[in-house]
N, C-alpha and C. Protein backbone atom coordinates (compact mmCIF):
# COMPACT_ATOMS: atom_id res chain seq x y z
N MET A 1 -4.32 18.08 -11.04
CA MET A 1 -4.84 17.33 -9.76
C MET A 1 -5.89 16.73 -10.26
N LEU A 2 -6.19 15.40 -9.12
CA LEU A 2 -6.56 14.08 -8.74
C LEU A 2 -8.31 14.43 -8.86
N SER A 3 -9.08 13.65 -9.80
CA SER A 3 -10.35 14.34 -9.26
C SER A 3 -11.42 13.46 -8.59
N VAL A 4 -12.05 13.67 -7.82
CA VAL A 4 -12.63 12.78 -6.57
C VAL A 4 -13.75 12.89 -6.12
N ASP A 5 -14.90 12.12 -5.61
CA ASP A 5 -16.12 12.51 -5.36
C ASP A 5 -16.13 11.35 -3.91
N VAL A 6 -16.63 11.93 -2.88
CA VAL A 6 -17.40 11.30 -2.03
C VAL A 6 -17.89 10.16 -2.72
N GLY A 7 -17.31 8.58 -1.85
CA GLY A 7 -17.05 7.73 -2.28
C GLY A 7 -16.20 6.93 -3.15
N SER A 8 -14.77 7.73 -3.42
CA SER A 8 -14.13 7.59 -4.26
C SER A 8 -13.11 7.18 -3.66
N ALA A 9 -12.34 6.18 -3.86
CA ALA A 9 -11.30 5.58 -3.19
C ALA A 9 -9.62 5.95 -3.47
N ILE A 10 -9.14 6.12 -2.82
CA ILE A 10 -7.89 6.94 -3.08
C ILE A 10 -6.49 6.19 -2.37
N PHE A 11 -5.39 6.49 -2.66
CA PHE A 11 -4.37 5.66 -2.53
C PHE A 11 -3.16 6.28 -1.93
N HIS A 12 -2.59 6.61 -0.73
CA HIS A 12 -2.00 7.59 0.13
C HIS A 12 -0.71 7.19 -0.06
N ARG A 13 0.24 7.50 -0.16
CA ARG A 13 1.72 7.13 -0.94
C ARG A 13 2.20 6.34 0.57
N THR A 14 2.31 7.21 1.83
CA THR A 14 2.86 6.02 2.59
C THR A 14 1.69 5.57 3.61
N ARG A 15 0.08 6.25 3.63
CA ARG A 15 -0.75 6.00 4.29
C ARG A 15 -1.76 4.48 3.97
N GLY A 16 -1.66 4.20 2.93
CA GLY A 16 -2.77 3.33 1.73
C GLY A 16 -3.17 3.67 1.65
N VAL A 17 -4.45 3.08 1.04
CA VAL A 17 -6.32 3.32 0.98
C VAL A 17 -7.16 3.31 1.74
N GLY A 18 -7.18 4.63 1.14
CA GLY A 18 -8.82 5.36 2.05
C GLY A 18 -9.74 5.17 1.26
N LYS A 19 -10.86 5.37 1.89
CA LYS A 19 -12.30 6.26 0.93
C LYS A 19 -12.63 7.88 1.12
N VAL A 20 -12.84 8.25 0.25
CA VAL A 20 -13.15 10.10 0.82
C VAL A 20 -14.77 10.01 0.88
N VAL A 21 -14.79 10.71 2.20
CA VAL A 21 -15.77 10.73 3.02
C VAL A 21 -16.40 11.89 3.09
N ASP A 22 -15.87 13.03 2.89
CA ASP A 22 -16.37 14.35 3.11
C ASP A 22 -15.12 15.34 2.46
N PHE A 23 -15.49 16.58 2.07
CA PHE A 23 -14.60 17.76 1.99
C PHE A 23 -15.10 18.52 2.76
N GLU A 24 -13.55 19.53 2.95
CA GLU A 24 -13.72 20.16 4.03
C GLU A 24 -12.76 21.67 3.81
N THR A 25 -13.32 22.86 3.20
CA THR A 25 -12.54 23.93 2.94
C THR A 25 -11.67 24.41 4.04
N ARG A 26 -10.88 24.92 4.35
CA ARG A 26 -9.92 25.95 5.88
C ARG A 26 -9.18 26.44 4.71
N GLU A 27 -8.99 28.33 5.83
CA GLU A 27 -8.48 29.06 5.73
C GLU A 27 -7.54 28.89 6.43
N TRP A 28 -6.53 29.03 6.17
CA TRP A 28 -4.78 29.56 6.87
C TRP A 28 -4.15 30.79 6.21
N ASP A 29 -4.54 32.31 6.86
CA ASP A 29 -3.39 32.82 6.22
C ASP A 29 -4.26 33.68 5.03
N GLU A 30 -5.48 33.59 5.11
CA GLU A 30 -6.14 34.30 3.80
C GLU A 30 -6.37 33.47 3.06
N GLU A 31 -5.84 31.91 2.86
CA GLU A 31 -5.64 31.20 1.67
C GLU A 31 -6.62 30.10 2.14
N GLU A 32 -7.72 29.76 0.95
CA GLU A 32 -8.34 28.28 1.47
C GLU A 32 -7.71 27.63 0.37
N THR A 33 -8.02 26.22 1.55
CA THR A 33 -7.32 24.52 1.14
C THR A 33 -8.48 23.61 1.11
N ARG A 34 -8.73 23.24 0.25
CA ARG A 34 -9.65 22.17 -0.02
C ARG A 34 -8.91 20.83 0.76
N TYR A 35 -9.87 20.16 1.66
CA TYR A 35 -9.05 19.00 2.19
C TYR A 35 -10.14 17.65 1.52
N LEU A 36 -9.87 16.58 1.22
CA LEU A 36 -10.41 15.05 1.30
C LEU A 36 -10.47 14.86 3.06
N VAL A 37 -11.49 14.26 3.64
CA VAL A 37 -11.58 13.65 4.61
C VAL A 37 -12.45 12.78 4.08
N VAL A 38 -10.83 11.59 4.54
CA VAL A 38 -10.63 10.38 3.74
C VAL A 38 -10.74 8.53 4.93
N GLU A 39 -11.32 8.12 5.10
CA GLU A 39 -11.52 7.11 6.28
C GLU A 39 -10.32 5.94 5.76
N MET A 40 -9.54 5.73 6.50
CA MET A 40 -8.57 4.77 5.98
C MET A 40 -8.92 3.09 6.21
N LEU A 41 -9.05 2.86 4.77
CA LEU A 41 -10.03 1.21 5.05
C LEU A 41 -8.90 0.16 6.15
N ALA A 42 -7.90 -0.27 6.12
CA ALA A 42 -7.29 -1.09 6.80
C ALA A 42 -6.78 -0.50 8.29
N ALA A 43 -7.31 0.33 8.53
CA ALA A 43 -6.64 1.35 9.68
C ALA A 43 -7.62 1.73 10.88
N GLY A 44 -8.98 1.78 10.04
CA GLY A 44 -10.07 2.62 10.64
C GLY A 44 -9.86 3.93 11.33
N TYR A 45 -8.77 4.98 11.38
CA TYR A 45 -9.22 6.22 11.46
C TYR A 45 -9.41 6.86 9.95
N THR A 46 -9.10 8.21 10.21
CA THR A 46 -9.98 9.71 9.10
C THR A 46 -8.72 10.25 9.15
N ILE A 47 -7.83 10.84 8.65
CA ILE A 47 -7.24 11.80 8.27
C ILE A 47 -7.80 12.60 7.08
N ARG A 48 -7.00 14.44 6.96
CA ARG A 48 -7.73 15.28 6.05
C ARG A 48 -6.27 15.12 5.04
N ILE A 49 -6.51 15.05 3.88
CA ILE A 49 -5.81 15.40 2.44
C ILE A 49 -5.35 16.47 2.20
N PRO A 50 -4.45 17.39 2.10
CA PRO A 50 -4.45 18.53 0.88
C PRO A 50 -5.30 18.37 -0.54
N GLU A 51 -6.05 18.59 -1.43
CA GLU A 51 -7.12 17.97 -2.42
C GLU A 51 -6.07 18.05 -3.30
N THR A 52 -4.68 18.64 -2.99
CA THR A 52 -3.33 18.73 -3.90
C THR A 52 -2.28 18.42 -3.82
N SER A 53 -2.75 17.32 -2.81
CA SER A 53 -1.07 16.39 -2.30
C SER A 53 -0.91 15.69 -3.55
N PRO A 54 0.49 15.91 -4.18
CA PRO A 54 1.33 14.31 -4.67
C PRO A 54 1.61 13.67 -4.04
N GLU A 55 1.05 13.44 -2.96
CA GLU A 55 0.82 11.97 -1.77
C GLU A 55 0.10 10.90 -2.52
N ILE A 56 -1.21 11.25 -3.36
CA ILE A 56 -1.99 10.59 -2.85
C ILE A 56 -2.28 10.19 -5.05
N ARG A 57 -3.23 9.30 -5.11
CA ARG A 57 -3.29 8.46 -6.44
C ARG A 57 -5.03 8.00 -6.44
N GLN A 58 -4.68 7.73 -7.75
CA GLN A 58 -6.21 6.98 -7.63
C GLN A 58 -6.12 5.34 -7.13
N VAL A 59 -6.99 4.30 -6.81
CA VAL A 59 -6.28 3.01 -6.61
C VAL A 59 -6.11 2.44 -8.02
N LEU A 60 -6.22 1.30 -8.26
CA LEU A 60 -5.61 0.23 -9.06
C LEU A 60 -7.50 0.64 -9.65
N SER A 61 -7.26 0.26 -11.47
CA SER A 61 -8.63 -0.52 -11.83
C SER A 61 -8.29 -1.71 -12.31
N ASP A 62 -7.36 -2.48 -11.94
CA ASP A 62 -7.02 -3.71 -12.19
C ASP A 62 -5.53 -3.70 -11.57
N PRO A 63 -6.18 -4.68 -10.36
CA PRO A 63 -5.37 -5.14 -9.43
C PRO A 63 -4.27 -6.26 -9.57
N ASN A 64 -4.33 -6.85 -10.96
CA ASN A 64 -3.91 -8.28 -11.43
C ASN A 64 -2.31 -7.68 -11.90
N VAL A 65 -2.06 -6.11 -11.56
CA VAL A 65 -0.02 -6.17 -11.33
C VAL A 65 -0.06 -6.97 -10.18
N ILE A 66 -0.85 -6.35 -9.34
CA ILE A 66 -0.16 -6.80 -7.70
C ILE A 66 -0.36 -8.45 -7.88
N PHE A 67 -1.33 -9.11 -8.28
CA PHE A 67 -1.04 -10.27 -8.65
C PHE A 67 -0.34 -10.93 -9.33
N ARG A 68 0.32 -10.57 -10.02
CA ARG A 68 1.33 -11.15 -11.06
C ARG A 68 2.53 -11.05 -10.29
N THR A 69 2.96 -9.61 -9.98
CA THR A 69 4.44 -9.42 -9.26
C THR A 69 4.35 -9.94 -7.98
N LEU A 70 3.19 -10.97 -7.21
CA LEU A 70 3.29 -11.62 -6.41
C LEU A 70 3.47 -12.85 -6.91
N ARG A 71 3.07 -13.59 -7.73
CA ARG A 71 3.65 -14.98 -8.47
C ARG A 71 4.70 -14.94 -8.65
N ASP A 72 5.23 -13.92 -9.44
CA ASP A 72 7.02 -13.97 -10.06
C ASP A 72 7.74 -14.43 -8.93
N LYS A 73 9.31 -14.63 -9.75
CA LYS A 73 10.11 -15.41 -8.88
C LYS A 73 10.78 -14.30 -7.99
N ALA A 74 11.02 -14.58 -7.23
CA ALA A 74 11.49 -13.48 -6.06
C ALA A 74 13.19 -13.25 -6.51
N LYS A 75 13.08 -11.73 -6.18
CA LYS A 75 14.28 -11.15 -6.17
C LYS A 75 15.27 -11.26 -5.47
N SER A 76 16.82 -11.62 -5.42
CA SER A 76 17.57 -11.51 -3.97
C SER A 76 17.49 -10.24 -3.35
N LEU A 77 17.72 -9.75 -1.93
CA LEU A 77 17.39 -8.88 -1.32
C LEU A 77 19.42 -9.07 -0.66
N PRO A 78 19.83 -7.97 -0.48
CA PRO A 78 20.94 -7.33 0.13
C PRO A 78 21.26 -8.16 1.50
N ASP A 79 22.29 -8.64 1.66
CA ASP A 79 22.88 -9.90 2.89
C ASP A 79 22.30 -8.66 4.24
N ASN A 80 22.97 -7.74 4.13
CA ASN A 80 23.01 -6.30 4.49
C ASN A 80 21.60 -5.67 5.52
N TYR A 81 21.82 -5.64 6.21
CA TYR A 81 20.58 -5.50 7.45
C TYR A 81 19.83 -3.77 6.87
N LYS A 82 20.69 -3.22 7.26
CA LYS A 82 20.45 -2.00 7.04
C LYS A 82 20.46 -1.81 5.61
N THR A 83 20.53 -1.93 4.55
CA THR A 83 20.85 -1.99 3.24
C THR A 83 19.90 -2.33 2.59
N ARG A 84 19.14 -4.11 3.12
CA ARG A 84 18.06 -4.46 3.07
C ARG A 84 16.91 -3.57 3.31
N GLN A 85 16.71 -3.36 4.69
CA GLN A 85 15.79 -2.61 5.02
C GLN A 85 15.62 -1.45 4.35
N ALA A 86 16.48 -0.46 4.13
CA ALA A 86 16.40 0.78 3.48
C ALA A 86 16.08 0.44 1.83
N GLU A 87 16.22 -0.48 1.50
CA GLU A 87 15.97 -0.88 0.10
C GLU A 87 14.37 -1.09 0.54
N ILE A 88 14.16 -2.10 0.69
CA ILE A 88 12.44 -2.63 1.00
C ILE A 88 11.31 -1.49 1.45
N ARG A 89 12.32 -0.30 2.61
CA ARG A 89 11.15 0.84 2.86
C ARG A 89 10.68 2.12 1.43
N ALA A 90 11.94 2.02 0.73
CA ALA A 90 11.79 2.74 -0.46
C ALA A 90 10.99 2.07 -1.36
N ALA A 91 10.82 1.09 -1.33
CA ALA A 91 9.43 0.12 -2.00
C ALA A 91 8.51 0.18 -1.23
N VAL A 92 8.55 0.29 -0.87
CA VAL A 92 6.71 0.55 0.13
C VAL A 92 6.54 1.93 -0.02
N ASP A 93 7.54 2.92 0.17
CA ASP A 93 6.71 4.64 0.49
C ASP A 93 7.00 5.08 -1.04
N SER A 94 7.65 4.17 -2.13
CA SER A 94 6.97 4.58 -2.85
C SER A 94 5.54 4.65 -3.60
N GLY A 95 4.80 3.85 -2.96
CA GLY A 95 2.97 3.96 -3.35
C GLY A 95 2.97 3.86 -4.73
N GLU A 96 4.27 2.67 -5.62
CA GLU A 96 3.25 2.33 -6.71
C GLU A 96 3.21 0.69 -5.81
N PRO A 97 1.71 -0.01 -6.55
CA PRO A 97 1.35 -1.18 -6.06
C PRO A 97 3.02 -2.53 -6.46
N GLU A 98 3.33 -1.82 -8.05
CA GLU A 98 4.28 -2.89 -8.42
C GLU A 98 5.22 -3.66 -7.50
N LYS A 99 5.49 -2.09 -7.01
CA LYS A 99 7.13 -2.24 -6.13
C LYS A 99 6.49 -2.36 -4.76
N ILE A 100 5.47 -2.20 -4.22
CA ILE A 100 5.09 -2.70 -2.86
C ILE A 100 4.87 -3.92 -2.96
N ALA A 101 4.43 -4.84 -4.13
CA ALA A 101 3.94 -6.65 -4.05
C ALA A 101 5.55 -6.72 -4.26
N ALA A 102 6.57 -6.33 -5.10
CA ALA A 102 7.94 -6.96 -4.92
C ALA A 102 8.15 -7.18 -4.02
N ALA A 103 8.34 -6.09 -3.10
CA ALA A 103 8.75 -5.93 -2.01
C ALA A 103 8.35 -6.94 -0.86
N VAL A 104 7.74 -7.33 -0.51
CA VAL A 104 6.37 -7.97 -0.07
C VAL A 104 6.64 -9.84 -0.52
N ARG A 105 7.13 -9.55 -1.76
CA ARG A 105 7.69 -11.00 -2.21
C ARG A 105 8.66 -11.45 -1.99
N ASP A 106 9.71 -10.22 -2.21
CA ASP A 106 11.30 -10.66 -2.17
C ASP A 106 11.56 -10.62 -1.01
N LEU A 107 10.88 -10.08 0.61
CA LEU A 107 11.19 -9.94 1.50
C LEU A 107 10.84 -11.03 2.35
N ARG A 108 9.44 -11.78 2.06
CA ARG A 108 8.57 -12.91 2.44
C ARG A 108 10.42 -14.33 1.83
N ALA A 109 10.67 -14.15 0.74
CA ALA A 109 11.78 -15.23 0.31
C ALA A 109 12.86 -15.39 1.00
N TYR A 110 13.17 -13.76 1.19
CA TYR A 110 14.46 -13.54 2.08
C TYR A 110 14.11 -14.13 3.21
N ALA A 111 13.09 -13.99 3.78
CA ALA A 111 13.53 -14.25 5.34
C ALA A 111 12.90 -15.88 5.57
N GLU A 112 12.32 -15.89 4.76
CA GLU A 112 12.11 -17.79 4.47
C GLU A 112 13.21 -18.79 4.20
N SER A 113 14.25 -18.41 3.44
CA SER A 113 15.06 -18.73 2.70
C SER A 113 16.13 -19.30 3.52
N GLU A 114 17.56 -19.81 3.56
CA GLU A 114 18.37 -20.90 4.63
C GLU A 114 19.17 -20.01 4.66
N ASP A 115 19.32 -18.72 4.13
CA ASP A 115 20.19 -17.63 4.90
C ASP A 115 19.69 -16.46 5.37
N GLY A 116 18.34 -16.75 5.76
CA GLY A 116 17.60 -15.29 5.98
C GLY A 116 16.69 -15.73 7.11
N ASN A 117 16.04 -14.98 7.70
CA ASN A 117 15.35 -15.03 9.00
C ASN A 117 14.00 -13.72 9.03
N TRP A 118 13.28 -13.69 9.90
CA TRP A 118 12.40 -12.35 9.53
C TRP A 118 12.99 -11.65 10.64
N THR A 119 13.29 -10.58 11.06
CA THR A 119 13.75 -9.29 11.70
C THR A 119 12.21 -8.87 12.13
N THR A 120 12.30 -8.41 13.25
CA THR A 120 11.37 -7.51 14.21
C THR A 120 11.50 -6.00 12.73
N GLY A 121 12.04 -5.43 12.21
CA GLY A 121 12.12 -4.31 11.31
C GLY A 121 11.20 -5.15 10.05
N GLY A 122 11.98 -5.95 9.74
CA GLY A 122 11.55 -6.64 8.35
C GLY A 122 9.91 -7.45 8.25
N LYS A 123 9.78 -8.01 9.42
CA LYS A 123 8.18 -8.40 9.85
C LYS A 123 7.11 -6.98 9.75
N ARG A 124 7.66 -5.90 10.90
CA ARG A 124 6.29 -4.60 10.67
C ARG A 124 6.67 -4.16 8.89
N LEU A 125 7.85 -4.38 8.41
CA LEU A 125 7.51 -3.77 6.80
C LEU A 125 6.52 -4.56 6.01
N TYR A 126 6.47 -5.58 6.41
CA TYR A 126 5.91 -6.68 5.47
C TYR A 126 4.72 -6.64 5.86
N GLU A 127 4.17 -6.39 7.34
CA GLU A 127 2.76 -6.34 7.23
C GLU A 127 2.19 -5.43 6.97
N ARG A 128 2.77 -3.69 7.16
CA ARG A 128 2.25 -2.78 6.33
C ARG A 128 2.42 -3.31 5.05
N ALA A 129 3.54 -3.31 4.58
CA ALA A 129 3.54 -3.41 2.95
C ALA A 129 1.33 -4.43 2.39
N LEU A 130 1.77 -5.62 3.00
CA LEU A 130 0.54 -6.25 3.08
C LEU A 130 -0.79 -5.74 3.57
N ASP A 131 -1.11 -4.83 4.28
CA ASP A 131 -2.22 -3.91 4.51
C ASP A 131 -2.83 -3.52 3.32
N MET A 132 -1.63 -2.21 2.81
CA MET A 132 -1.44 -1.63 1.50
C MET A 132 -2.34 -2.42 0.03
N LEU A 133 -1.24 -3.68 0.25
CA LEU A 133 -2.03 -4.59 -0.95
C LEU A 133 -3.49 -4.51 -1.12
N ASP A 134 -3.82 -5.29 0.42
CA ASP A 134 -5.23 -5.85 0.68
C ASP A 134 -6.03 -4.75 0.46
N ALA A 135 -5.89 -3.80 1.11
CA ALA A 135 -6.62 -2.91 1.09
C ALA A 135 -6.98 -1.90 -0.35
N GLU A 136 -5.56 -1.73 -1.33
CA GLU A 136 -5.60 -1.74 -2.54
C GLU A 136 -6.82 -2.50 -3.66
N VAL A 137 -6.62 -3.85 -3.07
CA VAL A 137 -7.22 -5.09 -4.09
C VAL A 137 -8.50 -4.87 -3.68
N ALA A 138 -9.27 -5.06 -2.08
CA ALA A 138 -10.66 -4.71 -1.61
C ALA A 138 -11.42 -3.34 -2.42
N ALA A 139 -10.46 -2.60 -2.61
CA ALA A 139 -11.30 -0.62 -2.85
C ALA A 139 -11.61 -1.67 -4.49
N SER A 140 -10.12 -1.53 -5.41
CA SER A 140 -10.40 -2.18 -6.84
C SER A 140 -11.35 -2.50 -7.25
N GLU A 141 -11.30 -4.07 -6.11
CA GLU A 141 -12.24 -4.63 -6.43
C GLU A 141 -14.07 -4.47 -5.63
N GLY A 142 -13.95 -3.75 -5.19
CA GLY A 142 -15.60 -3.80 -4.48
C GLY A 142 -15.36 -4.50 -3.42
N TRP A 143 -14.37 -5.34 -2.95
CA TRP A 143 -14.25 -6.56 -1.83
C TRP A 143 -14.75 -5.94 -0.70
N ASP A 144 -14.71 -6.83 0.57
CA ASP A 144 -14.34 -6.71 1.65
C ASP A 144 -13.30 -6.81 2.22
N LEU A 145 -12.18 -6.50 3.34
CA LEU A 145 -11.13 -6.49 2.98
C LEU A 145 -10.70 -8.23 3.41
N SER A 146 -11.69 -8.88 3.86
CA SER A 146 -11.36 -9.97 4.15
C SER A 146 -11.11 -11.12 2.80
N LYS A 147 -11.79 -10.78 2.37
CA LYS A 147 -11.86 -11.73 0.65
C LYS A 147 -10.26 -11.16 -0.07
N ALA A 148 -10.22 -9.81 -0.33
CA ALA A 148 -8.97 -9.11 -0.55
C ALA A 148 -7.91 -10.16 0.64
N ARG A 149 -7.74 -9.84 1.51
CA ARG A 149 -6.50 -10.39 1.67
C ARG A 149 -6.23 -11.52 1.57
N ASP A 150 -7.35 -12.65 1.68
CA ASP A 150 -7.15 -13.41 1.13
C ASP A 150 -6.97 -14.48 -0.40
N CYS A 151 -6.65 -13.60 -1.06
CA CYS A 151 -6.49 -13.24 -2.90
C CYS A 151 -5.03 -12.82 -2.61
N VAL A 152 -4.83 -12.35 -2.22
CA VAL A 152 -3.59 -12.17 -2.12
C VAL A 152 -2.62 -12.49 -1.50
N ARG A 153 -2.87 -13.37 -0.46
CA ARG A 153 -1.99 -14.71 0.37
C ARG A 153 -2.16 -15.54 -1.00
N ARG A 154 -3.32 -15.73 -1.48
CA ARG A 154 -2.88 -16.95 -2.24
C ARG A 154 -2.36 -16.68 -3.40
N ALA A 155 -2.19 -15.15 -3.87
CA ALA A 155 -1.45 -15.14 -4.67
C ALA A 155 0.19 -15.28 -4.88
N LEU A 156 0.65 -15.08 -3.29
CA LEU A 156 1.75 -14.58 -2.34
C LEU A 156 2.53 -16.62 -2.83
N ALA A 157 1.48 -17.34 -1.80
CA ALA A 157 1.15 -18.53 -2.20
C ALA A 157 2.17 -19.40 -3.22
N ASP A 158 1.22 -18.73 -4.02
CA ASP A 158 1.20 -19.52 -5.54
C ASP A 158 3.10 -19.16 -6.21
N GLY A 159 3.35 -18.19 -5.77
CA GLY A 159 4.82 -17.51 -6.23
C GLY A 159 5.59 -18.55 -5.55
N SER A 160 5.05 -19.03 -4.34
CA SER A 160 6.44 -19.75 -3.85
C SER A 160 7.06 -20.51 -4.12
């Protein structure tokens, strides 16, 4: 089980980074469950997550894995739209920072290549993944989102 305090930053596998602002205990069928009350950093809303949820983890203590991955040479993606989207979605939904960063890097390289283009679905996934990376770097470094966004975009541009 994840050990967190009020003020801790956590990463939710599909929603991104949030800050624990409170705890709540709720009872359902005579069973008590403790919930984390989490303000989501990039999205600006609050959610409640069971404290024992396998969907959450601590944010990275060192975001350099994100920066290194963004700067690495892009890997090729499948030409088939559905296959490509499924591959990128699986990487983003994994909640693993290195996979999310690789998805961003590879999707950008594909979309900007001679054979690729930006599709609506691809652009949405790309932006969602970038938001997750921005928030993770911000929480990890104690920066505001704007500074983190600048550093993530710079690392991505350095890899191009």
